[in-house]
Amino acid sequence: IATLCHKEPFLQHSSSFSHIGWNTHLSVVGAASFSDIIDFWFEEGKDFLYSSGRCKENATCQHYTQLVWATSSQVGCANQQCWRNGELWEIFVCAYYPGGNWEVNGQLVMPYKSGLYCSLCTSSMSGCLRLWDHVGGLCEIPKNPCRMNCGEHGHLNISSCKCKCDLGFTGRFCQVRCNVQCVHGHFKEEGCSCLCAVGYGGAECAEKVKFPFQSCDLIIDGNCFMVSSDVETYYGAKSHCQEQGGILAQIHNQKVQDILAFYLSQLETSNELTRNDFETENFWIGLTYKPPKDSFRWDTGEIPKYFSFAFGQPDNQGFGNCVELQASSGFNWNDQRCKTLNRYICQHGMDENLD
């Protein structure tokens, strides 16, 4: 409207602009600033009768009612100089969305409701911006909807409302200093701990762990696989494997999947998987779903290039973030609650333990 130099907001009758409210003002160039014009519109409020929802007789107050319309949440303004009848004028335009000044049976819908400020803010606003003198306030869409701060050692991701901590810090608000040094392993930021390389153990992965490879249940392509005889939660199983200098098993190709599935099916037929004190007949492997990354990752941080999920799986992202070999699906993969008690498969690299 400003560029076309039209004072009347004819676009409001277009379907594309039907929910936009307009305030316009035309004056001689240099006679007023945008701030002056907005103050002028607001001054119309003295001619607005809240009790009846009308303007005083022979007075105009529609600019005011649009300006203070409670449910208008976005505004854009522009001004433009233009020639009209041989004279240079300036037009000021503000567009409000959603618009206001609606009428029902000839009566103006009330632009706001009298009462305690911010008491009727909707959920999409999620905040109240108080004035500098703490008198009154406006519903707002805050720049920080998470209402949290990551302090000096973190950066807030507004989309996920989670802190990304600087190196050496952890915790929800990056408030915990973490000085763990992982000698032979990877630092796990979320737990301020180390994930040890195969063949190493201890809090800082500094201890060489000798593993009795004669105890391997299976050796596939130089990797030793041990099937547990006890049950653990996912993270309990992961910790137990690490204590032995290993990791929860990783399956990178169809060969390893086929051999493990066959071996576990043999245990199943020999009734070794059906003890009454076991919650399931399934086995943890070292794969979890990472919601911030929206992807599955091996415990080493590697992105899988091979998958063998059962039909219809995975289906529990965000609720069942840990992966098991599911007996009822031929030991194909299923995402499961991490607190479930399963048996598990540890993996050890034989080359890592050779002197």
Protein backbone atom coordinates (compact mmCIF):
# COMPACT_ATOMS: atom_id res chain seq x y z
CA ILE A 1 0.00 0.00 0.00
CA ALA A 2 2.85 2.41 0.89
CA THR A 3 4.58 1.94 -2.47
CA LEU A 4 1.28 2.36 -4.32
CA CYS A 5 0.56 5.49 -2.30
CA HIS A 6 -3.06 4.48 -1.65
CA LYS A 7 -4.51 5.67 1.63
CA GLU A 8 -7.40 3.22 1.56
CA PRO A 9 -6.37 -0.40 2.31
CA PHE A 10 -8.24 -1.90 -0.63
CA LEU A 11 -6.22 -5.12 -0.31
CA GLN A 12 -8.15 -6.10 2.80
CA HIS A 13 -10.99 -7.27 0.58
CA SER A 14 -8.70 -9.77 -1.15
CA SER A 15 -8.84 -13.32 0.22
CA SER A 16 -5.06 -13.29 0.63
CA PHE A 17 -5.28 -10.27 2.95
CA SER A 18 -8.61 -10.95 4.66
CA HIS A 19 -7.03 -11.45 8.07
CA ILE A 20 -4.76 -8.42 7.98
CA GLY A 21 -5.66 -5.13 9.64
CA TRP A 22 -4.40 -1.81 8.26
CA ASN A 23 -3.67 1.63 9.69
CA THR A 24 -2.76 4.39 7.21
CA HIS A 25 -1.96 8.10 7.43
CA LEU A 26 -1.22 10.61 4.68
CA SER A 27 0.56 13.87 5.41
CA VAL A 28 2.80 16.50 3.81
CA VAL A 29 6.43 15.40 3.58
CA GLY A 30 8.35 16.28 6.75
CA ALA A 31 5.28 17.17 8.78
CA ALA A 32 5.51 14.10 11.03
CA SER A 33 7.69 11.07 11.80
CA PHE A 34 6.52 7.47 12.14
CA SER A 35 6.73 7.84 15.91
CA ASP A 36 4.49 10.89 15.74
CA ILE A 37 1.92 9.02 13.65
CA ILE A 38 1.76 6.03 16.01
CA ASP A 39 1.39 8.38 18.98
CA PHE A 40 -1.41 10.12 17.09
CA TRP A 41 -3.20 6.80 16.53
CA PHE A 42 -2.82 5.92 20.20
CA GLU A 43 -4.22 9.31 21.26
CA GLU A 44 -7.48 8.31 19.58
CA GLY A 45 -7.98 6.10 22.65
CA LYS A 46 -9.44 9.05 24.53
CA ASP A 47 -12.36 8.90 22.09
CA PHE A 48 -12.94 5.16 22.60
CA LEU A 49 -15.73 4.20 25.01
CA TYR A 50 -14.77 0.80 26.43
CA SER A 51 -18.13 0.28 28.14
CA SER A 52 -20.01 0.38 24.82
CA GLY A 53 -17.22 -0.62 22.45
CA ARG A 54 -17.85 2.48 20.33
CA CYS A 55 -16.15 5.74 19.42
CA LYS A 56 -17.48 9.01 20.80
CA GLU A 57 -19.92 10.76 18.53
CA ASN A 58 -18.27 12.43 15.51
CA ALA A 59 -14.88 10.99 16.53
CA THR A 60 -12.54 8.44 14.96
CA CYS A 61 -10.90 5.71 17.03
CA GLN A 62 -10.45 2.77 14.64
CA HIS A 63 -6.70 3.38 14.36
CA TYR A 64 -6.50 3.05 18.15
CA THR A 65 -8.58 -0.12 18.36
CA GLN A 66 -6.45 -1.81 15.70
CA LEU A 67 -3.27 -0.64 17.41
CA VAL A 68 -4.29 -2.21 20.74
CA TRP A 69 -6.13 -5.26 19.34
CA ALA A 70 -5.21 -8.01 21.81
CA THR A 71 -4.88 -10.94 19.42
CA SER A 72 -2.78 -9.15 16.79
CA SER A 73 0.69 -10.60 17.28
CA GLN A 74 2.68 -9.43 14.24
CA VAL A 75 3.11 -5.99 12.76
CA GLY A 76 4.95 -4.51 9.80
CA CYS A 77 5.19 -0.82 8.91
CA ALA A 78 6.48 1.20 5.95
CA ASN A 79 6.41 4.76 4.66
CA GLN A 80 6.72 6.13 1.14
CA GLN A 81 6.88 9.55 -0.50
CA CYS A 82 4.63 10.06 -3.51
CA TRP A 83 3.13 12.74 -5.73
CA ARG A 84 -0.58 13.48 -5.49
CA ASN A 85 -2.18 16.34 -7.44
CA GLY A 86 1.21 17.90 -8.08
CA GLU A 87 2.30 17.87 -4.41
CA LEU A 88 4.79 15.62 -2.61
CA TRP A 89 3.16 13.67 0.21
CA GLU A 90 4.22 10.94 2.59
CA ILE A 91 2.08 7.92 3.43
CA PHE A 92 2.55 5.84 6.58
CA VAL A 93 1.17 2.27 6.66
CA CYS A 94 1.14 -0.45 9.34
CA ALA A 95 -0.21 -3.96 8.75
CA TYR A 96 -1.36 -6.08 11.69
CA TYR A 97 -1.78 -9.86 11.73
CA PRO A 98 -4.19 -11.25 12.66
CA GLY A 99 -6.17 -8.09 12.02
CA GLY A 100 -8.84 -6.55 14.20
CA ASN A 101 -11.77 -4.14 14.10
CA TRP A 102 -14.26 -6.95 13.50
CA GLU A 103 -17.95 -6.21 13.87
CA VAL A 104 -20.88 -8.41 14.87
CA ASN A 105 -24.36 -7.12 14.00
CA GLY A 106 -22.96 -3.63 13.59
CA GLN A 107 -21.17 -3.61 16.94
CA LEU A 108 -17.38 -3.63 17.24
CA VAL A 109 -15.87 -6.71 18.86
CA MET A 110 -14.03 -5.51 21.97
CA PRO A 111 -10.34 -5.05 21.10
CA TYR A 112 -9.19 -6.26 24.51
CA LYS A 113 -10.59 -7.42 27.82
CA SER A 114 -10.15 -5.33 30.92
CA GLY A 115 -8.34 -7.12 33.73
CA LEU A 116 -4.96 -8.16 35.11
CA TYR A 117 -2.29 -7.76 32.44
CA CYS A 118 -1.11 -10.92 30.65
CA SER A 119 -3.74 -13.05 32.44
CA LEU A 120 -5.25 -14.24 29.14
CA CYS A 121 -2.05 -14.83 27.13
CA THR A 122 -2.45 -17.94 24.97
CA SER A 123 -0.01 -20.85 24.99
CA SER A 124 1.61 -19.68 21.75
CA MET A 125 2.72 -16.49 23.49
CA SER A 126 4.32 -18.22 26.50
CA GLY A 127 5.48 -15.03 28.13
CA CYS A 128 4.68 -11.58 29.49
CA LEU A 129 6.79 -8.56 28.61
CA ARG A 130 6.47 -6.04 31.43
CA LEU A 131 7.07 -2.38 30.86
CA TRP A 132 10.19 -0.73 32.25
CA ASP A 133 8.24 0.74 35.17
CA HIS A 134 6.54 -2.64 35.82
CA VAL A 135 3.12 -1.14 35.14
CA GLY A 136 1.08 -3.27 32.77
CA GLY A 137 2.53 -5.71 30.28
CA LEU A 138 2.13 -7.38 26.91
CA CYS A 139 1.85 -10.99 25.86
CA GLU A 140 4.99 -11.91 23.97
CA ILE A 141 6.64 -14.63 21.98
CA PRO A 142 9.98 -14.61 23.80
CA LYS A 143 13.32 -14.85 22.03
CA ASN A 144 14.18 -17.60 24.50
CA PRO A 145 11.03 -19.76 24.77
CA CYS A 146 12.97 -22.41 26.69
CA ARG A 147 13.21 -20.10 29.72
CA MET A 148 16.64 -21.50 30.55
CA ASN A 149 20.25 -20.40 30.40
CA CYS A 150 23.33 -22.50 29.65
CA GLY A 151 25.68 -20.24 31.58
CA GLU A 152 29.21 -19.34 30.54
CA HIS A 153 30.14 -22.80 29.31
CA GLY A 154 27.28 -23.75 27.01
CA HIS A 155 25.12 -22.66 24.10
CA LEU A 156 21.34 -23.05 24.03
CA ASN A 157 19.66 -24.87 21.14
CA ILE A 158 16.28 -23.11 21.08
CA SER A 159 14.71 -25.84 18.90
CA SER A 160 15.43 -28.66 21.37
CA CYS A 161 15.76 -26.55 24.55
CA LYS A 162 19.02 -28.33 25.37
CA CYS A 163 22.49 -27.03 26.11
CA LYS A 164 25.52 -27.81 23.97
CA CYS A 165 28.39 -27.73 26.44
CA ASP A 166 31.91 -26.53 25.84
CA LEU A 167 34.65 -29.13 26.02
CA GLY A 168 35.31 -30.05 29.63
CA PHE A 169 31.81 -29.29 30.91
CA THR A 170 28.65 -31.35 31.24
CA GLY A 171 25.28 -31.35 33.00
CA ARG A 172 21.88 -30.03 31.94
CA PHE A 173 23.08 -26.42 32.20
CA CYS A 174 26.79 -27.14 31.51
CA GLN A 175 27.42 -26.38 35.17
CA VAL A 176 29.61 -29.43 35.93
CA ARG A 177 33.31 -29.26 35.16
CA CYS A 178 34.49 -32.56 33.69
CA ASN A 179 38.22 -33.31 33.54
CA VAL A 180 38.13 -36.93 32.40
CA GLN A 181 41.01 -37.83 30.06
CA CYS A 182 40.26 -40.81 27.81
CA VAL A 183 43.67 -42.36 27.06
CA HIS A 184 42.42 -45.17 24.79
CA GLY A 185 38.82 -44.29 24.06
CA HIS A 186 36.21 -41.66 23.25
CA PHE A 187 34.87 -39.04 25.64
CA LYS A 188 31.09 -39.33 26.12
CA GLU A 189 29.90 -35.80 26.79
CA GLU A 190 26.42 -36.68 28.06
CA GLY A 191 27.79 -38.81 30.89
CA CYS A 192 31.20 -37.21 31.49
CA SER A 193 32.73 -40.65 30.98
CA CYS A 194 34.89 -42.63 28.60
CA LEU A 195 33.91 -45.28 26.08
CA CYS A 196 37.00 -47.44 25.92
CA ALA A 197 38.53 -48.89 22.80
CA VAL A 198 38.45 -52.67 22.54
CA GLY A 199 41.09 -54.15 24.83
CA TYR A 200 41.12 -51.30 27.36
CA GLY A 201 39.21 -50.60 30.56
CA GLY A 202 39.12 -48.39 33.63
CA ALA A 203 37.61 -44.95 34.22
CA GLU A 204 40.05 -43.31 31.78
CA CYS A 205 40.60 -46.33 29.49
CA ALA A 206 44.24 -46.49 30.57
CA GLU A 207 44.28 -50.13 31.66
CA LYS A 208 45.17 -52.88 29.22
CA VAL A 209 42.67 -55.70 29.69
CA LYS A 210 43.70 -59.25 28.90
CA PHE A 211 40.75 -61.27 27.70
CA PRO A 212 40.72 -65.09 27.63
CA PHE A 213 39.90 -65.58 23.96
CA GLN A 214 39.57 -69.32 24.46
CA SER A 215 36.24 -68.39 26.09
CA CYS A 216 34.80 -66.79 22.93
CA ASP A 217 31.44 -68.19 21.90
CA LEU A 218 32.07 -67.08 18.31
CA ILE A 219 34.97 -65.64 16.34
CA ILE A 220 33.89 -63.79 13.20
CA ASP A 221 36.43 -61.98 11.03
CA GLY A 222 38.88 -61.64 13.90
CA ASN A 223 36.32 -60.40 16.42
CA CYS A 224 35.37 -62.37 19.51
CA PHE A 225 31.69 -62.45 20.51
CA MET A 226 30.62 -63.48 24.02
CA VAL A 227 26.96 -64.18 24.82
CA SER A 228 26.07 -63.33 28.41
CA SER A 229 24.46 -65.78 30.78
CA ASP A 230 22.91 -63.01 32.88
CA VAL A 231 20.54 -60.13 32.15
CA GLU A 232 21.09 -56.37 32.38
CA THR A 233 19.55 -53.10 31.32
CA TYR A 234 21.14 -51.67 28.19
CA TYR A 235 23.54 -49.43 30.08
CA GLY A 236 24.31 -52.12 32.63
CA ALA A 237 25.24 -54.46 29.77
CA LYS A 238 27.35 -51.76 28.14
CA SER A 239 29.23 -51.16 31.39
CA HIS A 240 29.83 -54.88 31.95
CA CYS A 241 31.30 -55.32 28.46
CA GLN A 242 33.59 -52.35 29.01
CA GLU A 243 34.83 -53.74 32.33
CA GLN A 244 35.97 -56.81 30.39
CA GLY A 245 37.78 -54.66 27.81
CA GLY A 246 35.07 -54.99 25.19
CA ILE A 247 32.01 -53.23 23.80
CA LEU A 248 28.43 -54.23 23.11
CA ALA A 249 28.41 -56.07 19.80
CA GLN A 250 28.31 -54.13 16.54
CA ILE A 251 26.90 -55.68 13.38
CA HIS A 252 28.24 -54.08 10.21
CA ASN A 253 27.25 -56.61 7.55
CA GLN A 254 24.90 -59.46 6.68
CA LYS A 255 27.54 -62.11 7.37
CA VAL A 256 27.83 -61.19 11.04
CA GLN A 257 24.03 -60.86 11.33
CA ASP A 258 23.44 -64.31 9.81
CA ILE A 259 26.03 -66.06 11.99
CA LEU A 260 24.82 -64.46 15.22
CA ALA A 261 21.17 -65.16 14.36
CA PHE A 262 21.98 -68.81 13.63
CA TYR A 263 24.00 -69.23 16.83
CA LEU A 264 21.27 -67.65 18.99
CA SER A 265 18.59 -69.79 17.32
CA GLN A 266 20.60 -72.88 18.29
CA LEU A 267 20.60 -71.69 21.90
CA GLU A 268 16.85 -71.17 21.60
CA THR A 269 16.18 -74.74 20.50
CA SER A 270 18.38 -76.09 23.30
CA ASN A 271 16.19 -74.24 25.85
CA GLU A 272 19.08 -72.05 27.00
CA LEU A 273 17.02 -68.91 26.30
CA THR A 274 13.89 -69.78 28.24
CA ARG A 275 14.85 -69.42 31.90
CA ASN A 276 11.90 -68.21 33.94
CA ASP A 277 13.81 -65.36 35.59
CA PHE A 278 14.52 -63.66 32.24
CA GLU A 279 12.18 -60.88 31.19
CA THR A 280 12.76 -61.54 27.48
CA GLU A 281 14.66 -63.87 25.18
CA ASN A 282 16.32 -60.98 23.39
CA PHE A 283 19.89 -59.64 23.31
CA TRP A 284 21.29 -56.13 23.49
CA ILE A 285 23.69 -54.91 20.81
CA GLY A 286 25.59 -51.61 20.90
CA LEU A 287 23.15 -49.44 18.94
CA THR A 288 20.99 -46.59 20.26
CA TYR A 289 18.73 -43.89 18.84
CA LYS A 290 20.01 -40.36 19.48
CA PRO A 291 17.04 -37.89 19.47
CA PRO A 292 19.20 -34.75 19.09
CA LYS A 293 20.79 -36.25 15.97
CA ASP A 294 17.55 -37.97 14.85
CA SER A 295 19.51 -41.10 13.93
CA PHE A 296 20.80 -44.39 15.25
CA ARG A 297 24.46 -44.56 16.27
CA TRP A 298 26.78 -47.31 17.39
CA ASP A 299 28.18 -46.73 20.88
CA THR A 300 31.47 -45.69 19.29
CA GLY A 301 29.62 -42.78 17.66
CA GLU A 302 29.70 -44.34 14.19
CA ILE A 303 26.67 -43.96 11.90
CA PRO A 304 25.44 -47.42 10.81
CA LYS A 305 25.79 -48.29 7.15
CA TYR A 306 24.00 -51.62 7.60
CA PHE A 307 20.60 -52.25 9.23
CA SER A 308 18.60 -55.41 9.91
CA PHE A 309 15.47 -54.14 11.66
CA ALA A 310 12.50 -56.50 11.79
CA PHE A 311 9.40 -55.70 9.72
CA GLY A 312 7.68 -52.57 11.04
CA GLN A 313 10.69 -51.54 13.10
CA PRO A 314 11.97 -49.23 14.43
CA ASP A 315 8.79 -47.77 15.87
CA ASN A 316 9.65 -46.40 19.30
CA GLN A 317 12.03 -43.48 18.72
CA GLY A 318 12.03 -41.32 21.80
CA PHE A 319 10.59 -44.09 24.00
CA GLY A 320 12.57 -47.22 23.10
CA ASN A 321 15.98 -45.91 22.15
CA CYS A 322 18.07 -49.06 22.58
CA VAL A 323 18.36 -51.88 20.05
CA GLU A 324 17.99 -55.60 20.72
CA LEU A 325 18.15 -58.79 18.67
CA GLN A 326 14.54 -59.98 18.93
CA ALA A 327 13.98 -63.73 19.19
CA SER A 328 10.41 -63.61 17.84
CA SER A 329 11.68 -61.91 14.66
CA GLY A 330 14.47 -64.33 13.87
CA PHE A 331 16.90 -62.14 15.84
CA ASN A 332 16.42 -59.19 13.55
CA TRP A 333 16.61 -55.81 15.27
CA ASN A 334 13.99 -54.06 17.41
CA ASP A 335 14.11 -50.77 19.30
CA GLN A 336 13.26 -51.29 22.96
CA ARG A 337 13.10 -49.44 26.29
CA CYS A 338 16.64 -49.21 27.63
CA LYS A 339 15.53 -50.32 31.12
CA THR A 340 14.35 -53.69 29.81
CA LEU A 341 16.31 -56.65 31.21
CA ASN A 342 17.92 -58.56 28.34
CA ARG A 343 20.89 -60.82 27.84
CA TYR A 344 23.59 -59.19 25.76
CA ILE A 345 26.51 -59.82 23.43
CA CYS A 346 29.97 -58.41 24.12
CA GLN A 347 32.54 -57.96 21.36
CA HIS A 348 36.33 -58.12 21.76
CA GLY A 349 38.95 -57.44 19.10
CA MET A 350 41.64 -60.12 19.12
CA ASP A 351 44.24 -57.90 17.44
CA GLU A 352 43.90 -55.27 20.16
CA ASN A 353 45.13 -57.76 22.79
CA LEU A 354 48.21 -59.05 21.02
CA ASP A 355 51.54 -57.95 22.52
